[in-house]
């Protein structure tokens, strides 16, 4: 039997350090070989750390949220050789200390304090009086209540006819905020400190960076998607078993590709330190996706080279790997423009935050049936708002409007999406 030190693993890709995001064990735990001890995160890839031996955890070298250099000692184990640690007898726990009774119980009752310590009748626990019932109390009790800032309607009396005595008032004051109203509601003054670690911390850093560096301009436009929804339903009804069910996003992706062909400077990354806009030929669309761990942005690469069905299939695949936490670093990076959508929870309008260092993001809001004036009367139409934000340092308001209006035209006349050239 000896000690074994588990070091921070080399996670590759030239990464020199990683953030500790989870411990699966604590000091004193017995583990088996290949049991997961903890997890570290680099960029957006999470790496689990297995135990190399059977043994007991003696020492943990970092706290959740700390950054650990590759090769640094992370865990120290007492190795048990081939013997399964699960057979070890647990150390007996000392018996819990006996609860000591307060000394005041052994003291004789204080004739002055006794009335306050006596059980308080049920009606003196702060239950409000019925509406319209006037509290009965002497002028002296009313003055005392006024000085203490107490509403006598909240105090029940133990004297005949429910009259409130000095004893009832003092008991009410003594119990103070602990008194529970008749509904059972009570204030909650607890405070829970939650440290931002892992993906949540990275999201916070990215949002702060985008908000502090980028002067956003948000352009909101409503789109009539009635024809698009009819087309989508028809295509889904006729699709082959190998084809994915289409949502509105593949149509939007194809519309964005066409709009970007007219305004390629919106498909770009802005290096604000160097003052250079890197305009990309390939349209790599990030799809902001909510997962149990937080917000991630898987990337549909080269959307310009994918048809509607291919966009839909890649979207389904990326959504699944993002949801299960199995997306690779390549699948979560390299976007040149982003779509953000909350589906049915999309709200009427939003103000999306740009995925730094991109210069544009297109936000999809929920589809709602609305009455629309067609020139002679109101007709029901399926309407949806697009809420799109732009980096105002490199995108003028006019260009932003032209871009969104082009997408609007394509979505309202979906046949144009399939016209090449």
Protein backbone atom coordinates (compact mmCIF):
# COMPACT_ATOMS: atom_id res chain seq x y z
CA UNK A 1 0.00 0.00 0.00
CA UNK A 2 1.34 3.45 -0.92
CA UNK A 3 0.32 6.90 -1.99
CA UNK A 4 -0.57 7.81 -5.55
CA UNK A 5 -0.70 11.38 -6.85
CA UNK A 6 -3.12 12.16 -9.68
CA UNK A 7 -1.98 15.19 -11.66
CA UNK A 8 -3.89 17.61 -13.84
CA UNK A 9 -4.03 15.78 -17.20
CA UNK A 10 -2.82 17.18 -20.50
CA UNK A 11 -6.06 17.79 -22.36
CA UNK A 12 -4.25 18.51 -25.64
CA UNK A 13 -4.59 21.32 -28.16
CA UNK A 14 -1.79 23.24 -26.46
CA UNK A 15 -3.90 23.97 -23.38
CA UNK A 16 -1.72 24.81 -20.38
CA UNK A 17 -4.40 24.99 -17.70
CA UNK A 18 -8.03 24.14 -17.02
CA UNK A 19 -10.75 25.08 -14.55
CA UNK A 20 -11.87 22.59 -11.94
CA UNK A 21 -15.66 22.43 -12.29
CA UNK A 22 -16.66 19.40 -10.24
CA UNK A 23 -15.48 17.01 -7.51
CA UNK A 24 -17.13 13.59 -7.46
CA UNK A 25 -15.34 12.60 -4.23
CA UNK A 26 -14.34 14.05 -0.89
CA UNK A 27 -11.50 13.35 1.53
CA UNK A 28 -11.96 9.94 3.13
CA UNK A 29 -13.96 8.42 0.27
CA UNK A 30 -13.03 4.95 -0.97
CA UNK A 31 -12.81 4.68 -4.74
CA UNK A 32 -12.26 1.93 -7.27
CA UNK A 33 -10.07 2.04 -10.31
CA UNK A 34 -11.70 4.05 -13.14
CA UNK A 35 -14.17 5.75 -10.80
CA UNK A 36 -14.59 9.39 -11.81
CA UNK A 37 -12.86 11.66 -9.28
CA UNK A 38 -13.76 15.03 -10.79
CA UNK A 39 -13.99 17.08 -13.96
CA UNK A 40 -12.11 20.01 -15.46
CA UNK A 41 -13.09 22.36 -18.27
CA UNK A 42 -11.02 24.00 -20.95
CA UNK A 43 -12.81 26.50 -23.18
CA UNK A 44 -16.12 24.61 -23.52
CA UNK A 45 -14.84 21.03 -23.45
CA UNK A 46 -15.25 19.10 -20.18
CA UNK A 47 -12.76 16.33 -19.28
CA UNK A 48 -13.45 13.76 -16.56
CA UNK A 49 -10.59 12.51 -14.37
CA UNK A 50 -10.68 8.77 -13.53
CA UNK A 51 -8.97 7.09 -10.60
CA UNK A 52 -5.91 5.05 -11.66
CA UNK A 53 -6.16 2.70 -8.63
CA UNK A 54 -8.33 1.38 -5.83
CA UNK A 55 -7.77 3.53 -2.79
CA UNK A 56 -8.78 6.21 -0.33
CA UNK A 57 -8.89 9.93 -1.07
CA UNK A 58 -6.36 11.67 1.19
CA UNK A 59 -6.14 15.16 -0.30
CA UNK A 60 -7.82 17.39 -2.87
CA UNK A 61 -5.57 20.00 -4.43
CA UNK A 62 -8.04 22.62 -5.63
CA UNK A 63 -11.46 24.10 -5.01
CA UNK A 64 -14.31 24.30 -7.49
CA UNK A 65 -13.72 27.24 -9.84
CA UNK A 66 -9.92 27.30 -9.44
CA UNK A 67 -7.64 27.18 -12.48
CA UNK A 68 -5.10 24.34 -12.35
CA UNK A 69 -1.98 24.09 -14.50
CA UNK A 70 -1.37 20.92 -16.51
CA UNK A 71 0.87 18.57 -14.52
CA UNK A 72 0.04 20.07 -11.13
CA UNK A 73 -0.91 17.67 -8.29
CA UNK A 74 -4.68 17.46 -8.15
CA UNK A 75 -5.56 14.47 -5.95
CA UNK A 76 -3.61 12.23 -3.56
CA UNK A 77 -4.79 8.67 -2.96
CA UNK A 78 -3.75 5.91 -0.60
CA UNK A 79 -3.48 3.02 -3.06
CA UNK A 80 -4.87 -0.35 -1.94
CA UNK A 81 -3.31 -2.51 -4.64
CA UNK A 82 -5.78 -4.96 -6.14
CA UNK A 83 -8.04 -5.13 -3.11
CA UNK A 84 -11.44 -3.58 -3.75
CA UNK A 85 -11.83 -0.67 -1.38
CA UNK A 86 -15.54 -1.26 -1.03
CA UNK A 87 -14.80 -4.10 1.47
CA UNK A 88 -13.13 -1.82 3.96
CA UNK A 89 -14.95 -1.50 7.24
CA UNK A 90 -16.12 2.04 7.82
CA UNK A 91 -14.78 3.75 10.89
CA UNK A 92 -17.34 3.84 13.70
CA UNK A 93 -18.89 7.22 14.12
CA UNK A 94 -18.82 8.74 17.62
CA UNK A 95 -22.23 8.90 19.26
CA UNK A 96 -23.91 12.26 18.82
CA UNK A 97 -23.54 14.56 21.83
CA UNK A 98 -26.48 14.60 24.14
CA UNK A 99 -28.50 17.76 23.91
CA UNK A 100 -28.07 19.85 27.02
CA UNK A 101 -31.18 21.36 28.42
CA UNK A 102 -31.09 25.08 29.04
CA UNK A 103 -30.22 25.88 32.62
CA UNK A 104 -33.22 28.14 32.89
CA UNK A 105 -35.45 25.04 33.10
CA UNK A 106 -33.98 24.16 36.49
CA UNK A 107 -34.59 27.62 37.87
CA UNK A 108 -37.80 28.40 39.74
CA UNK A 109 -40.32 30.33 37.70
CA UNK A 110 -40.00 34.07 37.77
CA UNK A 111 -43.33 35.50 38.90
CA UNK A 112 -42.82 38.52 36.66
CA UNK A 113 -41.63 36.66 33.54
CA UNK A 114 -44.04 33.75 34.01
CA UNK A 115 -46.96 35.32 32.14
CA UNK A 116 -44.75 35.78 29.06
CA UNK A 117 -43.52 32.19 29.22
CA UNK A 118 -46.99 30.77 29.60
CA UNK A 119 -48.59 29.10 26.56
CA UNK A 120 -50.26 31.66 24.36
CA UNK A 121 -53.83 30.90 23.34
CA UNK A 122 -54.33 29.97 19.71
CA UNK A 123 -55.87 33.35 18.85
CA UNK A 124 -52.76 35.26 20.08
CA UNK A 125 -50.49 33.75 17.42
CA UNK A 126 -51.04 36.67 15.12
CA UNK A 127 -54.03 35.46 13.13
CA UNK A 128 -55.83 38.49 11.68
CA UNK A 129 -59.28 39.25 12.99
CA UNK A 130 -62.27 38.83 10.71
CA UNK A 131 -62.87 41.77 8.41
CA UNK A 132 -64.81 44.51 10.19
CA UNK A 133 -64.16 43.18 13.73
CA UNK A 134 -62.88 45.96 15.96
CA UNK A 135 -60.22 44.97 18.50
CA UNK A 136 -61.22 45.44 22.14
CA UNK A 137 -58.56 46.99 24.35
CA UNK A 138 -58.12 49.61 27.05
CA UNK A 139 -56.77 53.07 26.18
CA UNK A 140 -53.48 52.15 27.89
CA UNK A 141 -53.09 49.05 25.71
CA UNK A 142 -53.96 51.05 22.59
CA UNK A 143 -51.32 53.67 23.48
CA UNK A 144 -48.70 50.97 24.08
CA UNK A 145 -49.53 49.36 20.72
CA UNK A 146 -49.34 52.71 18.93
CA UNK A 147 -45.92 53.42 20.44
CA UNK A 148 -44.70 49.97 19.34
CA UNK A 149 -46.11 50.37 15.83
CA UNK A 150 -48.45 47.39 16.21
CA UNK A 151 -51.82 46.99 14.51
CA UNK A 152 -54.09 45.62 17.21
CA UNK A 153 -56.15 43.86 14.57
CA UNK A 154 -53.27 41.40 14.33
CA UNK A 155 -53.35 40.68 18.10
CA UNK A 156 -55.91 38.33 19.56
CA UNK A 157 -57.08 38.80 23.14
CA UNK A 158 -57.35 36.14 25.81
CA UNK A 159 -59.71 38.08 28.09
CA UNK A 160 -63.49 37.74 27.96
CA UNK A 161 -65.04 38.90 24.66
CA UNK A 162 -61.58 38.75 23.12
CA UNK A 163 -60.35 41.88 24.92
CA UNK A 164 -56.62 42.46 24.47
CA UNK A 165 -54.71 42.80 27.70
CA UNK A 166 -51.21 44.07 28.39
CA UNK A 167 -50.15 40.43 28.69
CA UNK A 168 -51.48 39.64 25.18
CA UNK A 169 -49.69 42.66 23.72
CA UNK A 170 -46.37 41.90 25.43
CA UNK A 171 -46.58 38.28 24.29
CA UNK A 172 -47.18 39.47 20.73
CA UNK A 173 -44.17 41.81 20.93
CA UNK A 174 -41.99 39.06 22.40
CA UNK A 175 -42.79 36.70 19.55
CA UNK A 176 -42.13 39.45 17.00
CA UNK A 177 -41.57 38.46 13.35
CA UNK A 178 -41.72 34.75 14.21
CA UNK A 179 -45.50 35.02 14.37
CA UNK A 180 -47.02 33.15 11.47
CA UNK A 181 -50.13 34.56 9.84
CA UNK A 182 -53.18 32.38 9.45
CA UNK A 183 -52.24 31.59 5.83
CA UNK A 184 -48.98 29.95 6.93
CA UNK A 185 -46.92 32.45 4.92
CA UNK A 186 -43.75 33.72 6.53
CA UNK A 187 -40.80 35.83 5.37
CA UNK A 188 -37.72 34.03 4.01
CA UNK A 189 -34.54 35.92 4.83
CA UNK A 190 -32.11 33.28 3.63
CA UNK A 191 -29.25 34.15 1.27
CA UNK A 192 -27.54 31.50 -0.84
CA UNK A 193 -24.16 32.29 -2.40
CA UNK A 194 -23.69 30.50 -5.73
CA UNK A 195 -20.20 30.67 -7.21
CA UNK A 196 -20.08 30.90 -10.99
CA UNK A 197 -17.90 28.08 -12.28
CA UNK A 198 -17.36 26.18 -15.49
CA UNK A 199 -19.63 26.97 -18.40
CA UNK A 200 -21.71 29.43 -16.36
CA UNK A 201 -18.60 31.50 -15.58
CA UNK A 202 -17.51 31.45 -19.22
CA UNK A 203 -20.96 32.58 -20.32
CA UNK A 204 -20.79 35.45 -17.83
CA UNK A 205 -17.37 36.48 -19.12
CA UNK A 206 -18.49 36.34 -22.76
CA UNK A 207 -21.64 38.35 -22.09
CA UNK A 208 -19.70 41.00 -20.15
CA UNK A 209 -17.09 41.18 -22.92
CA UNK A 210 -19.72 41.56 -25.63
CA UNK A 211 -21.71 44.14 -23.69
CA UNK A 212 -18.68 46.24 -22.73
CA UNK A 213 -16.96 46.16 -26.15
CA UNK A 214 -19.85 46.28 -28.61
CA UNK A 215 -22.25 49.24 -29.01
CA UNK A 216 -25.38 47.32 -29.97
CA UNK A 217 -28.11 48.48 -32.31
CA UNK A 218 -31.23 46.27 -32.32
CA UNK A 219 -33.65 46.26 -35.25
CA UNK A 220 -37.04 44.58 -34.82
CA UNK A 221 -39.32 43.72 -37.74
CA UNK A 222 -42.46 41.61 -37.99
CA UNK A 223 -42.65 38.87 -40.59
CA UNK A 224 -45.75 37.17 -42.02
CA UNK A 225 -44.78 33.49 -41.97
CA UNK A 226 -48.18 32.08 -42.95
CA UNK A 227 -46.98 30.86 -46.36
CA UNK A 228 -43.73 29.60 -44.87
CA UNK A 229 -45.55 27.59 -42.23
CA UNK A 230 -47.83 26.07 -44.88
CA UNK A 231 -44.78 25.09 -46.94
CA UNK A 232 -42.98 23.69 -43.91
CA UNK A 233 -45.99 21.55 -42.98
CA UNK A 234 -46.25 20.22 -46.55
CA UNK A 235 -42.55 19.36 -46.71
CA UNK A 236 -42.63 17.59 -43.36
CA UNK A 237 -45.66 15.58 -44.48
CA UNK A 238 -43.84 14.39 -47.60
CA UNK A 239 -40.34 13.95 -46.17
CA UNK A 240 -38.47 10.67 -46.43
CA UNK A 241 -37.83 8.64 -43.23
CA UNK A 242 -34.14 9.56 -43.41
CA UNK A 243 -34.87 13.28 -43.54
CA UNK A 244 -35.24 15.41 -40.40
CA UNK A 245 -38.41 17.20 -39.38
CA UNK A 246 -37.98 20.79 -40.48
CA UNK A 247 -38.33 23.68 -38.05
CA UNK A 248 -38.30 27.31 -39.14
CA UNK A 249 -34.54 27.58 -38.53
CA UNK A 250 -33.32 25.82 -41.72
CA UNK A 251 -35.45 28.23 -43.77
CA UNK A 252 -33.98 31.17 -41.86
CA UNK A 253 -30.46 29.83 -42.38
CA UNK A 254 -30.96 29.61 -46.14
CA UNK A 255 -32.50 33.11 -46.17
CA UNK A 256 -29.50 34.46 -44.24
CA UNK A 257 -27.11 32.89 -46.75
CA UNK A 258 -28.88 34.73 -49.58
CA UNK A 259 -28.97 38.01 -47.65
CA UNK A 260 -25.27 37.71 -46.79
CA UNK A 261 -24.45 37.26 -50.48
CA UNK A 262 -25.71 40.84 -50.93
CA UNK A 263 -24.04 42.15 -47.75
CA UNK A 264 -20.95 40.00 -47.09
CA UNK A 265 -19.57 42.46 -44.52
CA UNK A 266 -22.19 41.22 -42.03
CA UNK A 267 -20.64 37.74 -42.08
CA UNK A 268 -17.55 38.86 -40.23
CA UNK A 269 -15.48 38.99 -37.05
CA UNK A 270 -14.24 42.35 -35.78
CA UNK A 271 -10.79 42.47 -34.20
CA UNK A 272 -11.32 45.75 -32.35
CA UNK A 273 -7.76 45.83 -30.98
CA UNK A 274 -6.23 45.66 -34.45
CA UNK A 275 -9.07 47.62 -36.07
CA UNK A 276 -9.63 44.90 -38.68
CA UNK A 277 -12.90 43.34 -39.84
CA UNK A 278 -12.29 39.75 -40.95
CA UNK A 279 -14.94 39.17 -43.62
CA UNK A 280 -15.52 35.43 -44.20
CA UNK A 281 -16.61 33.78 -47.42
CA UNK A 282 -17.95 30.71 -45.65
CA UNK A 283 -21.17 31.24 -43.71
CA UNK A 284 -20.71 29.45 -40.40
CA UNK A 285 -23.95 29.95 -38.47
CA UNK A 286 -23.87 29.60 -34.70
CA UNK A 287 -27.10 28.36 -33.12
CA UNK A 288 -27.47 29.60 -29.54
CA UNK A 289 -28.81 26.57 -27.66
CA UNK A 290 -29.93 26.29 -24.05
CA UNK A 291 -28.73 23.18 -22.23
CA UNK A 292 -28.89 21.97 -18.66
CA UNK A 293 -25.35 23.31 -18.14
CA UNK A 294 -26.07 26.70 -19.73
CA UNK A 295 -25.93 28.48 -23.06
CA UNK A 296 -23.73 26.98 -25.79
CA UNK A 297 -23.37 27.87 -29.48
CA UNK A 298 -22.86 24.86 -31.78
CA UNK A 299 -21.93 25.86 -35.31
CA UNK A 300 -23.43 24.78 -38.64
CA UNK A 301 -20.39 25.14 -40.87
CA UNK A 302 -20.61 26.23 -44.49
CA UNK A 303 -24.35 26.82 -44.54
CA UNK A 304 -23.82 28.30 -48.01
CA UNK A 305 -23.01 24.79 -49.27
CA UNK A 306 -25.98 23.05 -47.60
CA UNK A 307 -29.52 22.73 -48.89
CA UNK A 308 -32.61 22.99 -46.69
CA UNK A 309 -32.61 19.33 -45.64
CA UNK A 310 -28.87 19.26 -44.98
CA UNK A 311 -29.18 22.35 -42.79
CA UNK A 312 -32.00 20.65 -40.88
CA UNK A 313 -30.06 17.41 -40.40
CA UNK A 314 -26.95 19.19 -39.15
CA UNK A 315 -29.06 21.29 -36.84
CA UNK A 316 -30.63 18.17 -35.30
CA UNK A 317 -27.21 16.54 -34.84
CA UNK A 318 -25.63 19.58 -33.23
CA UNK A 319 -28.60 20.14 -30.93
CA UNK A 320 -28.26 16.58 -29.64
CA UNK A 321 -24.51 16.74 -28.94
CA UNK A 322 -24.98 20.11 -27.24
CA UNK A 323 -27.80 18.75 -25.10
CA UNK A 324 -25.83 15.68 -24.02
CA UNK A 325 -22.62 17.64 -23.43
CA UNK A 326 -20.66 15.61 -26.01
CA UNK A 327 -19.99 18.45 -28.47
CA UNK A 328 -16.35 18.88 -29.45
CA UNK A 329 -14.45 22.13 -29.30
CA UNK A 330 -14.63 22.41 -33.10
CA UNK A 331 -18.41 22.02 -33.02
CA UNK A 332 -18.69 24.86 -30.48
CA UNK A 333 -16.43 27.42 -32.12
CA UNK A 334 -15.77 29.19 -35.41
CA UNK A 335 -19.14 30.86 -36.04
CA UNK A 336 -19.27 34.01 -38.19
CA UNK A 337 -22.89 34.99 -37.50
CA UNK A 338 -25.40 33.63 -34.98
CA UNK A 339 -29.10 32.78 -34.67
CA UNK A 340 -30.75 32.86 -31.26
CA UNK A 341 -34.18 31.34 -30.72
CA UNK A 342 -36.20 30.37 -27.65
CA UNK A 343 -38.86 28.58 -29.68
CA UNK A 344 -42.33 28.88 -28.20
CA UNK A 345 -40.79 30.86 -25.30
CA UNK A 346 -39.37 33.43 -27.71
CA UNK A 347 -41.56 36.30 -26.56
CA UNK A 348 -42.82 39.17 -28.69
CA UNK A 349 -39.44 40.91 -29.01
CA UNK A 350 -35.94 40.53 -27.59
CA UNK A 351 -32.63 42.41 -27.61
CA UNK A 352 -30.03 39.72 -28.45
CA UNK A 353 -26.42 40.14 -27.31
CA UNK A 354 -23.91 39.68 -30.12
CA UNK A 355 -21.66 36.63 -29.95
CA UNK A 356 -18.33 38.48 -29.66
CA UNK A 357 -16.36 39.09 -31.91
CA UNK A 358 -19.11 38.67 -34.54
CA UNK A 359 -20.91 41.76 -35.83
CA UNK A 360 -24.50 40.46 -36.16
CA UNK A 361 -27.00 38.15 -34.50
CA UNK A 362 -30.53 37.30 -35.68
CA UNK A 363 -33.14 36.63 -32.98
CA UNK A 364 -36.26 34.57 -33.67
CA UNK A 365 -39.39 35.32 -31.64
CA UNK A 366 -42.45 33.10 -31.26
CA UNK A 367 -45.07 32.76 -33.98
CA UNK A 368 -48.49 34.13 -33.06
CA UNK A 369 -51.79 34.35 -34.90
CA UNK A 370 -52.64 38.05 -35.31
CA UNK A 371 -55.30 40.04 -37.18
CA UNK A 372 -53.67 41.76 -40.17
CA UNK A 373 -55.28 44.43 -42.36
CA UNK A 374 -55.20 43.37 -46.03
CA UNK A 375 -56.69 46.56 -47.44
CA UNK A 376 -60.32 45.61 -47.10
CA UNK A 377 -60.54 43.84 -43.76
CA UNK A 378 -58.68 42.06 -41.01
CA UNK A 379 -57.53 38.50 -41.74
CA UNK A 380 -55.81 36.00 -39.43
CA UNK A 381 -52.11 35.61 -40.26
CA UNK A 382 -49.21 33.82 -38.57
CA UNK A 383 -46.82 36.58 -37.55
CA UNK A 384 -43.33 36.45 -36.08
CA UNK A 385 -40.89 39.17 -35.09
CA UNK A 386 -37.20 39.09 -35.95
CA UNK A 387 -35.09 40.87 -33.32
CA UNK A 388 -31.60 41.38 -34.71
CA UNK A 389 -28.60 43.14 -33.14
CA UNK A 390 -25.58 44.61 -34.93
CA UNK A 391 -22.20 46.04 -33.97
CA UNK A 392 -22.81 49.72 -34.63
CA UNK A 393 -19.08 50.38 -34.96
CA UNK A 394 -18.96 48.57 -38.30
CA UNK A 395 -22.63 48.20 -39.28
CA UNK A 396 -24.74 51.27 -39.98
CA UNK A 397 -28.44 51.31 -39.14
CA UNK A 398 -29.32 51.45 -42.85
CA UNK A 399 -27.31 48.31 -43.59
CA UNK A 400 -28.92 46.53 -40.66
CA UNK A 401 -32.38 47.44 -41.95
CA UNK A 402 -31.58 46.33 -45.52
CA UNK A 403 -30.30 42.98 -44.21
CA UNK A 404 -33.40 42.28 -42.09
CA UNK A 405 -35.78 43.43 -44.84
CA UNK A 406 -34.10 41.06 -47.30
CA UNK A 407 -34.61 38.16 -44.88
CA UNK A 408 -38.22 39.26 -44.33
CA UNK A 409 -38.91 39.21 -48.09
CA UNK A 410 -37.45 35.73 -48.46
CA UNK A 411 -39.40 34.30 -45.51
CA UNK A 412 -42.68 35.86 -46.63
CA UNK A 413 -42.16 34.52 -50.16
CA UNK A 414 -40.47 31.19 -49.32
CA UNK A 415 -40.30 29.99 -52.95
CA UNK A 416 -37.55 32.60 -53.45
CA UNK A 417 -35.37 30.73 -50.98
CA UNK A 418 -35.05 27.89 -53.48
CA UNK A 419 -34.24 30.12 -56.47
CA UNK A 420 -30.53 30.05 -57.22
CA UNK A 421 -28.63 33.07 -58.46
